[in-house]
Amino acid sequence: MSTSQIPLHELEDFALELARLAGNIALANFRKSIEISNKDAIGFDPVTSADHAIEQVLRTTIVERYASHGIVGEEQGRTDSLSPYTWYLDPIDGTRAFMMGSPLWGTLIGLTYDDSPLFGLMVQPVLEEVFLGTSDASWLVKPTSRQRLKIRNCTNLANAALASTHPDLFDADSAAAFNTLAAQCLLHRWGGDCYNYAMLAAGFVDLVVEDQLKDFDIVPLIPMLQGAGCVVTDWSGKPSLRGGKVLAAATPQLHAAALAALA
């Protein structure tokens, strides 16, 4: 069987296996004494021993099953291949929350085919949640249930709940644009990392706006968002596969209004 003929359900089942592996490692390290180092010579960009352990196990497991596939991960970078399939991994999205004992973090796992997202998931093992999505549908998968995700039908900024991870993500110009948008929304809250996007897909948040994202931060989330009915682009309305400035909105109308405010 060639890589171009792998059934989607087989790949999704495998991704759920990866999610369980990642969740078990994360839980074994959460709220424990772990090694923390800084990847940034100027500021603070933390990475923990759990980040390294999760990514290593995920990479090893992928290579054992699909040796020809490409892999892009936060800690070990890109492994290119001739295969049309590429896995995107963020072992702990929200490392600061993880190291501070907050459950607002998750492991991100996504798969693309010829640079087009096939599916993605976010696993939050403390809450026993896996948010799984394709472009057609998204679900919250719990140990004993599977619930379809659907956005809240918010169409105007005045009723919108806006979320973003931290003001330090924005430079002066993008901060000014964000503040213009936030002033028109019902409320905005800081913190949450990848969990904000899960809550957008689940219908509890209406807008998520970020800057300085990497491809592994957003590629796994795009199918989950689109499957729930969201619109996700960069700040100019173009595809956001490469990260950078990202705008995710519950509805096309809200997305258009947010784009106008950010401009």
C-alpha atoms as a PDB file:
ATOM      1  CA  MET A   1       0.000   0.000   0.000  1.00  0.00           C
ATOM      2  CA  SER A   2       1.430   3.399  -0.951  1.00  0.00           C
ATOM      3  CA  THR A   3       1.233   6.351   1.381  1.00  0.00           C
ATOM      4  CA  SER A   4      -1.302   8.038  -0.901  1.00  0.00           C
ATOM      5  CA  GLN A   5      -3.761   5.159  -0.216  1.00  0.00           C
ATOM      6  CA  ILE A   6      -3.781   5.091   3.581  1.00  0.00           C
ATOM      7  CA  PRO A   7      -7.414   5.183   4.756  1.00  0.00           C
ATOM      8  CA  LEU A   8      -8.215   8.277   6.772  1.00  0.00           C
ATOM      9  CA  HIS A   9      -9.787   6.275   9.595  1.00  0.00           C
ATOM     10  CA  GLU A  10      -6.548   4.319   9.998  1.00  0.00           C
ATOM     11  CA  LEU A  11      -4.550   7.529  10.312  1.00  0.00           C
ATOM     12  CA  GLU A  12      -7.034   9.014  12.782  1.00  0.00           C
ATOM     13  CA  ASP A  13      -6.950   5.879  14.927  1.00  0.00           C
ATOM     14  CA  PHE A  14      -3.164   6.065  14.923  1.00  0.00           C
ATOM     15  CA  ALA A  15      -3.290   9.743  15.942  1.00  0.00           C
ATOM     16  CA  LEU A  16      -5.520   8.819  18.881  1.00  0.00           C
ATOM     17  CA  GLU A  17      -2.876   6.251  19.886  1.00  0.00           C
ATOM     18  CA  LEU A  18      -0.312   9.057  19.780  1.00  0.00           C
ATOM     19  CA  ALA A  19      -2.622  11.191  21.905  1.00  0.00           C
ATOM     20  CA  ARG A  20      -2.808   8.491  24.570  1.00  0.00           C
ATOM     21  CA  LEU A  21       0.973   8.123  24.618  1.00  0.00           C
ATOM     22  CA  ALA A  22       1.453  11.874  24.945  1.00  0.00           C
ATOM     23  CA  GLY A  23      -1.204  12.161  27.629  1.00  0.00           C
ATOM     24  CA  ASN A  24       0.330   9.435  29.759  1.00  0.00           C
ATOM     25  CA  ILE A  25       3.760  11.098  29.680  1.00  0.00           C
ATOM     26  CA  ALA A  26       2.306  14.514  30.410  1.00  0.00           C
ATOM     27  CA  LEU A  27       0.285  13.249  33.369  1.00  0.00           C
ATOM     28  CA  ALA A  28       3.343  11.493  34.793  1.00  0.00           C
ATOM     29  CA  ASN A  29       5.165  14.842  34.819  1.00  0.00           C
ATOM     30  CA  PHE A  30       2.365  17.305  35.610  1.00  0.00           C
ATOM     31  CA  ARG A  31       2.633  19.067  38.976  1.00  0.00           C
ATOM     32  CA  LYS A  32       5.858  17.208  39.626  1.00  0.00           C
ATOM     33  CA  SER A  33       9.453  18.355  39.963  1.00  0.00           C
ATOM     34  CA  ILE A  34      10.690  18.497  36.376  1.00  0.00           C
ATOM     35  CA  GLU A  35      13.683  19.914  34.555  1.00  0.00           C
ATOM     36  CA  ILE A  36      13.054  23.343  33.011  1.00  0.00           C
ATOM     37  CA  SER A  37      15.432  25.142  30.658  1.00  0.00           C
ATOM     38  CA  ASN A  38      15.316  28.369  28.648  1.00  0.00           C
ATOM     39  CA  LYS A  39      15.530  28.325  24.846  1.00  0.00           C
ATOM     40  CA  ASP A  40      15.826  32.111  24.534  1.00  0.00           C
ATOM     41  CA  ALA A  41      19.136  33.871  25.208  1.00  0.00           C
ATOM     42  CA  ILE A  42      17.368  37.215  25.740  1.00  0.00           C
ATOM     43  CA  GLY A  43      13.894  36.529  27.113  1.00  0.00           C
ATOM     44  CA  PHE A  44      12.273  33.432  28.563  1.00  0.00           C
ATOM     45  CA  ASP A  45      11.068  30.605  26.319  1.00  0.00           C
ATOM     46  CA  PRO A  46      10.753  27.566  28.590  1.00  0.00           C
ATOM     47  CA  VAL A  47      11.023  23.930  27.652  1.00  0.00           C
ATOM     48  CA  THR A  48      10.652  21.059  30.082  1.00  0.00           C
ATOM     49  CA  SER A  49      11.862  17.482  30.192  1.00  0.00           C
ATOM     50  CA  ALA A  50       8.231  16.510  29.520  1.00  0.00           C
ATOM     51  CA  ASP A  51       8.242  18.447  26.212  1.00  0.00           C
ATOM     52  CA  HIS A  52      11.332  16.561  25.086  1.00  0.00           C
ATOM     53  CA  ALA A  53      10.062  13.169  26.238  1.00  0.00           C
ATOM     54  CA  ILE A  54       6.661  13.542  24.549  1.00  0.00           C
ATOM     55  CA  GLU A  55       8.054  14.653  21.205  1.00  0.00           C
ATOM     56  CA  GLN A  56      10.680  11.909  21.184  1.00  0.00           C
ATOM     57  CA  VAL A  57       8.102   9.194  21.852  1.00  0.00           C
ATOM     58  CA  LEU A  58       5.714  10.584  19.215  1.00  0.00           C
ATOM     59  CA  ARG A  59       8.463  10.801  16.593  1.00  0.00           C
ATOM     60  CA  THR A  60       9.694   7.289  17.331  1.00  0.00           C
ATOM     61  CA  THR A  61       6.167   5.877  17.129  1.00  0.00           C
ATOM     62  CA  ILE A  62       5.443   7.649  13.828  1.00  0.00           C
ATOM     63  CA  VAL A  63       8.687   6.413  12.273  1.00  0.00           C
ATOM     64  CA  GLU A  64       7.953   2.864  13.398  1.00  0.00           C
ATOM     65  CA  ARG A  65       4.520   2.929  11.712  1.00  0.00           C
ATOM     66  CA  TYR A  66       5.036   5.317   8.791  1.00  0.00           C
ATOM     67  CA  ALA A  67       8.761   5.568   8.163  1.00  0.00           C
ATOM     68  CA  SER A  68       8.403   7.609   4.977  1.00  0.00           C
ATOM     69  CA  HIS A  69       6.306  10.412   6.487  1.00  0.00           C
ATOM     70  CA  GLY A  70       7.682  13.876   7.207  1.00  0.00           C
ATOM     71  CA  ILE A  71       7.603  15.302  10.734  1.00  0.00           C
ATOM     72  CA  VAL A  72       7.654  18.887  12.019  1.00  0.00           C
ATOM     73  CA  GLY A  73       8.020  19.300  15.775  1.00  0.00           C
ATOM     74  CA  GLU A  74       8.678  22.176  18.128  1.00  0.00           C
ATOM     75  CA  GLU A  75      11.701  20.704  19.876  1.00  0.00           C
ATOM     76  CA  GLN A  76      13.434  18.684  17.146  1.00  0.00           C
ATOM     77  CA  GLY A  77      12.524  20.675  14.058  1.00  0.00           C
ATOM     78  CA  ARG A  78      11.697  19.328  10.608  1.00  0.00           C
ATOM     79  CA  THR A  79      12.353  15.897   9.148  1.00  0.00           C
ATOM     80  CA  ASP A  80      11.636  16.204   5.426  1.00  0.00           C
ATOM     81  CA  SER A  81      10.609  13.341   3.175  1.00  0.00           C
ATOM     82  CA  LEU A  82       9.298  12.635  -0.304  1.00  0.00           C
ATOM     83  CA  SER A  83       5.998  11.486   1.164  1.00  0.00           C
ATOM     84  CA  PRO A  84       2.955  13.738   0.713  1.00  0.00           C
ATOM     85  CA  TYR A  85       2.201  13.191   4.415  1.00  0.00           C
ATOM     86  CA  THR A  86       3.675  15.419   7.133  1.00  0.00           C
ATOM     87  CA  TRP A  87       2.949  15.219  10.874  1.00  0.00           C
ATOM     88  CA  TYR A  88       2.980  18.408  12.971  1.00  0.00           C
ATOM     89  CA  LEU A  89       3.721  18.045  16.684  1.00  0.00           C
ATOM     90  CA  ASP A  90       3.684  20.444  19.608  1.00  0.00           C
ATOM     91  CA  PRO A  91       4.391  18.265  22.642  1.00  0.00           C
ATOM     92  CA  ILE A  92       3.132  20.802  25.188  1.00  0.00           C
ATOM     93  CA  ASP A  93       1.447  23.893  23.827  1.00  0.00           C
ATOM     94  CA  GLY A  94       1.292  26.075  26.916  1.00  0.00           C
ATOM     95  CA  THR A  95       4.544  25.115  28.618  1.00  0.00           C
ATOM     96  CA  ARG A  96       4.307  28.058  31.030  1.00  0.00           C
ATOM     97  CA  ALA A  97       0.878  26.875  32.185  1.00  0.00           C
ATOM     98  CA  PHE A  98       2.202  23.312  32.498  1.00  0.00           C
ATOM     99  CA  MET A  99       5.144  24.327  34.659  1.00  0.00           C
ATOM    100  CA  MET A 100       2.875  26.468  36.863  1.00  0.00           C
ATOM    101  CA  GLY A 101       0.416  23.636  37.489  1.00  0.00           C
ATOM    102  CA  SER A 102      -2.440  25.027  35.393  1.00  0.00           C
ATOM    103  CA  PRO A 103      -4.328  22.551  33.135  1.00  0.00           C
ATOM    104  CA  LEU A 104      -4.698  25.058  30.281  1.00  0.00           C
ATOM    105  CA  TRP A 105      -2.240  23.339  27.932  1.00  0.00           C
ATOM    106  CA  GLY A 106      -2.370  20.468  25.491  1.00  0.00           C
ATOM    107  CA  THR A 107      -0.466  18.280  23.073  1.00  0.00           C
ATOM    108  CA  LEU A 108      -1.113  19.129  19.434  1.00  0.00           C
ATOM    109  CA  ILE A 109      -0.939  16.500  16.690  1.00  0.00           C
ATOM    110  CA  GLY A 110      -1.868  17.205  13.083  1.00  0.00           C
ATOM    111  CA  LEU A 111      -1.410  15.597   9.681  1.00  0.00           C
ATOM    112  CA  THR A 112      -1.245  17.238   6.258  1.00  0.00           C
ATOM    113  CA  TYR A 113      -1.320  15.741   2.777  1.00  0.00           C
ATOM    114  CA  ASP A 114       0.451  17.869   0.155  1.00  0.00           C
ATOM    115  CA  ASP A 115       0.343  20.790   2.633  1.00  0.00           C
ATOM    116  CA  SER A 116      -3.425  20.480   3.073  1.00  0.00           C
ATOM    117  CA  PRO A 117      -4.597  19.630   6.619  1.00  0.00           C
ATOM    118  CA  LEU A 118      -6.308  16.241   6.861  1.00  0.00           C
ATOM    119  CA  PHE A 119      -7.110  16.238  10.566  1.00  0.00           C
ATOM    120  CA  GLY A 120      -5.797  17.517  13.865  1.00  0.00           C
ATOM    121  CA  LEU A 121      -6.267  16.994  17.544  1.00  0.00           C
ATOM    122  CA  MET A 122      -5.519  18.518  20.911  1.00  0.00           C
ATOM    123  CA  VAL A 123      -5.263  16.253  23.949  1.00  0.00           C
ATOM    124  CA  GLN A 124      -5.726  17.571  27.492  1.00  0.00           C
ATOM    125  CA  PRO A 125      -5.189  14.501  29.698  1.00  0.00           C
ATOM    126  CA  VAL A 126      -5.838  16.167  33.076  1.00  0.00           C
ATOM    127  CA  LEU A 127      -9.413  16.852  31.944  1.00  0.00           C
ATOM    128  CA  GLU A 128      -9.539  13.578  29.959  1.00  0.00           C
ATOM    129  CA  GLU A 129     -10.343  15.465  26.761  1.00  0.00           C
ATOM    130  CA  VAL A 130      -9.336  14.967  23.148  1.00  0.00           C
ATOM    131  CA  PHE A 131     -10.564  17.553  20.660  1.00  0.00           C
ATOM    132  CA  LEU A 132     -10.448  15.921  17.213  1.00  0.00           C
ATOM    133  CA  GLY A 133     -11.406  17.476  13.909  1.00  0.00           C
ATOM    134  CA  THR A 134     -11.420  17.207  10.132  1.00  0.00           C
ATOM    135  CA  SER A 135     -12.628  19.875   7.722  1.00  0.00           C
ATOM    136  CA  ASP A 136     -16.055  18.198   7.811  1.00  0.00           C
ATOM    137  CA  ALA A 137     -16.715  17.681  11.531  1.00  0.00           C
ATOM    138  CA  SER A 138     -15.156  17.996  14.983  1.00  0.00           C
ATOM    139  CA  TRP A 139     -15.682  16.146  18.246  1.00  0.00           C
ATOM    140  CA  LEU A 140     -14.847  16.205  21.907  1.00  0.00           C
ATOM    141  CA  VAL A 141     -13.743  12.646  22.660  1.00  0.00           C
ATOM    142  CA  LYS A 142     -14.000  11.596  26.302  1.00  0.00           C
ATOM    143  CA  PRO A 143     -13.279   8.142  27.779  1.00  0.00           C
ATOM    144  CA  THR A 144     -16.957   7.158  27.618  1.00  0.00           C
ATOM    145  CA  SER A 145     -18.481   9.619  25.136  1.00  0.00           C
ATOM    146  CA  ARG A 146     -18.063  11.433  21.837  1.00  0.00           C
ATOM    147  CA  GLN A 147     -19.735  14.836  21.439  1.00  0.00           C
ATOM    148  CA  ARG A 148     -20.028  16.839  18.216  1.00  0.00           C
ATOM    149  CA  LEU A 149     -18.483  20.311  18.456  1.00  0.00           C
ATOM    150  CA  LYS A 150     -20.293  23.347  17.095  1.00  0.00           C
ATOM    151  CA  ILE A 151     -19.529  27.041  17.286  1.00  0.00           C
ATOM    152  CA  ARG A 152     -21.723  29.622  18.947  1.00  0.00           C
ATOM    153  CA  ASN A 153     -23.530  31.578  16.235  1.00  0.00           C
ATOM    154  CA  CYS A 154     -22.050  34.971  17.132  1.00  0.00           C
ATOM    155  CA  THR A 155     -22.073  37.396  14.214  1.00  0.00           C
ATOM    156  CA  ASN A 156     -21.130  40.776  15.693  1.00  0.00           C
ATOM    157  CA  LEU A 157     -18.249  42.052  17.773  1.00  0.00           C
ATOM    158  CA  ALA A 158     -20.451  43.618  20.446  1.00  0.00           C
ATOM    159  CA  ASN A 159     -21.521  40.140  21.583  1.00  0.00           C
ATOM    160  CA  ALA A 160     -18.175  38.413  21.088  1.00  0.00           C
ATOM    161  CA  ALA A 161     -15.887  36.847  23.681  1.00  0.00           C
ATOM    162  CA  LEU A 162     -12.275  37.338  22.546  1.00  0.00           C
ATOM    163  CA  ALA A 163      -9.345  35.264  23.828  1.00  0.00           C
ATOM    164  CA  SER A 164      -5.587  35.501  23.390  1.00  0.00           C
ATOM    165  CA  THR A 165      -2.614  33.994  25.156  1.00  0.00           C
ATOM    166  CA  HIS A 166      -0.524  36.958  26.300  1.00  0.00           C
ATOM    167  CA  PRO A 167       0.027  40.650  25.400  1.00  0.00           C
ATOM    168  CA  ASP A 168       3.766  40.033  24.985  1.00  0.00           C
ATOM    169  CA  LEU A 169       3.000  38.172  21.758  1.00  0.00           C
ATOM    170  CA  PHE A 170       2.222  41.487  20.067  1.00  0.00           C
ATOM    171  CA  ASP A 171       4.633  44.178  18.939  1.00  0.00           C
ATOM    172  CA  ALA A 172       3.572  47.830  19.129  1.00  0.00           C
ATOM    173  CA  ASP A 173       1.680  47.854  15.814  1.00  0.00           C
ATOM    174  CA  SER A 174      -0.089  44.535  16.279  1.00  0.00           C
ATOM    175  CA  ALA A 175      -0.901  45.443  19.904  1.00  0.00           C
ATOM    176  CA  ALA A 176      -2.601  48.625  18.707  1.00  0.00           C
ATOM    177  CA  ALA A 177      -4.638  46.614  16.206  1.00  0.00           C
ATOM    178  CA  PHE A 178      -5.558  44.036  18.830  1.00  0.00           C
ATOM    179  CA  ASN A 179      -6.639  46.741  21.283  1.00  0.00           C
ATOM    180  CA  THR A 180      -8.842  48.308  18.604  1.00  0.00           C
ATOM    181  CA  LEU A 181     -10.547  44.962  18.136  1.00  0.00           C
ATOM    182  CA  ALA A 182     -10.798  44.198  21.856  1.00  0.00           C
ATOM    183  CA  ALA A 183     -12.465  47.561  22.526  1.00  0.00           C
ATOM    184  CA  GLN A 184     -15.330  46.542  20.228  1.00  0.00           C
ATOM    185  CA  CYS A 185     -15.871  43.110  21.811  1.00  0.00           C
ATOM    186  CA  LEU A 186     -18.084  42.183  24.730  1.00  0.00           C
ATOM    187  CA  LEU A 187     -15.051  40.939  26.693  1.00  0.00           C
ATOM    188  CA  HIS A 188     -11.530  39.679  26.226  1.00  0.00           C
ATOM    189  CA  ARG A 189      -9.393  37.397  28.345  1.00  0.00           C
ATOM    190  CA  TRP A 190      -5.677  36.571  28.420  1.00  0.00           C
ATOM    191  CA  GLY A 191      -4.269  33.078  28.860  1.00  0.00           C
ATOM    192  CA  GLY A 192      -5.300  29.706  27.532  1.00  0.00           C
ATOM    193  CA  ASP A 193      -2.856  28.901  24.708  1.00  0.00           C
ATOM    194  CA  CYS A 194      -4.264  26.084  22.538  1.00  0.00           C
ATOM    195  CA  TYR A 195      -7.202  25.562  24.902  1.00  0.00           C
ATOM    196  CA  ASN A 196      -8.718  28.819  23.656  1.00  0.00           C
ATOM    197  CA  TYR A 197      -9.155  27.270  20.219  1.00  0.00           C
ATOM    198  CA  ALA A 198     -10.830  24.209  21.707  1.00  0.00           C
ATOM    199  CA  MET A 199     -13.286  26.453  23.527  1.00  0.00           C
ATOM    200  CA  LEU A 200     -13.924  28.356  20.290  1.00  0.00           C
ATOM    201  CA  ALA A 201     -14.780  25.083  18.531  1.00  0.00           C
ATOM    202  CA  ALA A 202     -16.959  24.066  21.508  1.00  0.00           C
ATOM    203  CA  GLY A 203     -18.990  27.280  21.419  1.00  0.00           C
ATOM    204  CA  PHE A 204     -17.738  29.069  24.546  1.00  0.00           C
ATOM    205  CA  VAL A 205     -15.373  31.585  22.870  1.00  0.00           C
ATOM    206  CA  ASP A 206     -16.100  33.556  19.696  1.00  0.00           C
ATOM    207  CA  LEU A 207     -12.712  34.935  18.625  1.00  0.00           C
ATOM    208  CA  VAL A 208      -9.083  33.940  19.134  1.00  0.00           C
ATOM    209  CA  VAL A 209      -6.397  36.358  17.931  1.00  0.00           C
ATOM    210  CA  GLU A 210      -2.676  35.632  18.168  1.00  0.00           C
ATOM    211  CA  ASP A 211       0.713  36.645  16.775  1.00  0.00           C
ATOM    212  CA  GLN A 212       4.104  34.919  16.526  1.00  0.00           C
ATOM    213  CA  LEU A 213       2.641  31.442  16.121  1.00  0.00           C
ATOM    214  CA  LYS A 214       4.658  28.688  14.445  1.00  0.00           C
ATOM    215  CA  ASP A 215       3.267  26.155  11.986  1.00  0.00           C
ATOM    216  CA  PHE A 216       3.133  23.412  14.625  1.00  0.00           C
ATOM    217  CA  ASP A 217       1.064  25.760  16.844  1.00  0.00           C
ATOM    218  CA  ILE A 218      -1.776  26.127  14.344  1.00  0.00           C
ATOM    219  CA  VAL A 219      -1.740  23.353  11.708  1.00  0.00           C
ATOM    220  CA  PRO A 220      -3.178  20.720  14.112  1.00  0.00           C
ATOM    221  CA  LEU A 221      -5.924  23.147  15.173  1.00  0.00           C
ATOM    222  CA  ILE A 222      -7.146  24.233  11.731  1.00  0.00           C
ATOM    223  CA  PRO A 223      -9.181  21.070  10.960  1.00  0.00           C
ATOM    224  CA  MET A 224     -10.735  21.073  14.437  1.00  0.00           C
ATOM    225  CA  LEU A 225     -11.779  24.697  13.995  1.00  0.00           C
ATOM    226  CA  GLN A 226     -13.079  24.298  10.451  1.00  0.00           C
ATOM    227  CA  GLY A 227     -14.941  21.105  11.328  1.00  0.00           C
ATOM    228  CA  ALA A 228     -16.827  23.009  14.037  1.00  0.00           C
ATOM    229  CA  GLY A 229     -17.744  25.790  11.603  1.00  0.00           C
ATOM    230  CA  CYS A 230     -15.018  28.341  12.359  1.00  0.00           C
ATOM    231  CA  VAL A 231     -13.123  30.547   9.933  1.00  0.00           C
ATOM    232  CA  VAL A 232      -9.351  30.636  10.511  1.00  0.00           C
ATOM    233  CA  THR A 233      -6.902  32.793   8.534  1.00  0.00           C
ATOM    234  CA  ASP A 234      -4.044  35.203   9.057  1.00  0.00           C
ATOM    235  CA  TRP A 235      -4.770  38.875   9.718  1.00  0.00           C
ATOM    236  CA  SER A 236      -5.095  39.599   5.995  1.00  0.00           C
ATOM    237  CA  GLY A 237      -7.606  36.834   5.383  1.00  0.00           C
ATOM    238  CA  LYS A 238      -5.152  34.367   3.828  1.00  0.00           C
ATOM    239  CA  PRO A 239      -4.472  30.759   4.913  1.00  0.00           C
ATOM    240  CA  SER A 240      -2.612  30.505   8.214  1.00  0.00           C
ATOM    241  CA  LEU A 241      -0.669  27.272   7.695  1.00  0.00           C
ATOM    242  CA  ARG A 242       2.663  28.972   8.368  1.00  0.00           C
ATOM    243  CA  GLY A 243       1.566  30.568  11.639  1.00  0.00           C
ATOM    244  CA  GLY A 244       2.421  34.206  12.352  1.00  0.00           C
ATOM    245  CA  LYS A 245      -0.642  36.369  12.888  1.00  0.00           C
ATOM    246  CA  VAL A 246      -3.730  34.172  13.304  1.00  0.00           C
ATOM    247  CA  LEU A 247      -7.411  35.081  13.496  1.00  0.00           C
ATOM    248  CA  ALA A 248      -9.990  32.384  14.274  1.00  0.00           C
ATOM    249  CA  ALA A 249     -13.662  33.356  14.383  1.00  0.00           C
ATOM    250  CA  ALA A 250     -16.909  31.534  15.040  1.00  0.00           C
ATOM    251  CA  THR A 251     -18.710  32.806  11.933  1.00  0.00           C
ATOM    252  CA  PRO A 252     -17.881  34.407   8.568  1.00  0.00           C
ATOM    253  CA  GLN A 253     -19.619  37.614   9.630  1.00  0.00           C
ATOM    254  CA  LEU A 254     -17.615  37.860  12.838  1.00  0.00           C
ATOM    255  CA  HIS A 255     -14.420  37.046  10.968  1.00  0.00           C
ATOM    256  CA  ALA A 256     -15.055  39.866   8.493  1.00  0.00           C
ATOM    257  CA  ALA A 257     -15.744  42.344  11.298  1.00  0.00           C
ATOM    258  CA  ALA A 258     -12.597  41.293  13.181  1.00  0.00           C
ATOM    259  CA  LEU A 259     -10.466  41.593  10.025  1.00  0.00           C
ATOM    260  CA  ALA A 260     -11.771  45.118   9.518  1.00  0.00           C
ATOM    261  CA  ALA A 261     -10.946  46.065  13.105  1.00  0.00           C
ATOM    262  CA  LEU A 262      -7.435  44.583  12.926  1.00  0.00           C
ATOM    263  CA  ALA A 263      -6.774  46.480   9.695  1.00  0.00           C
END
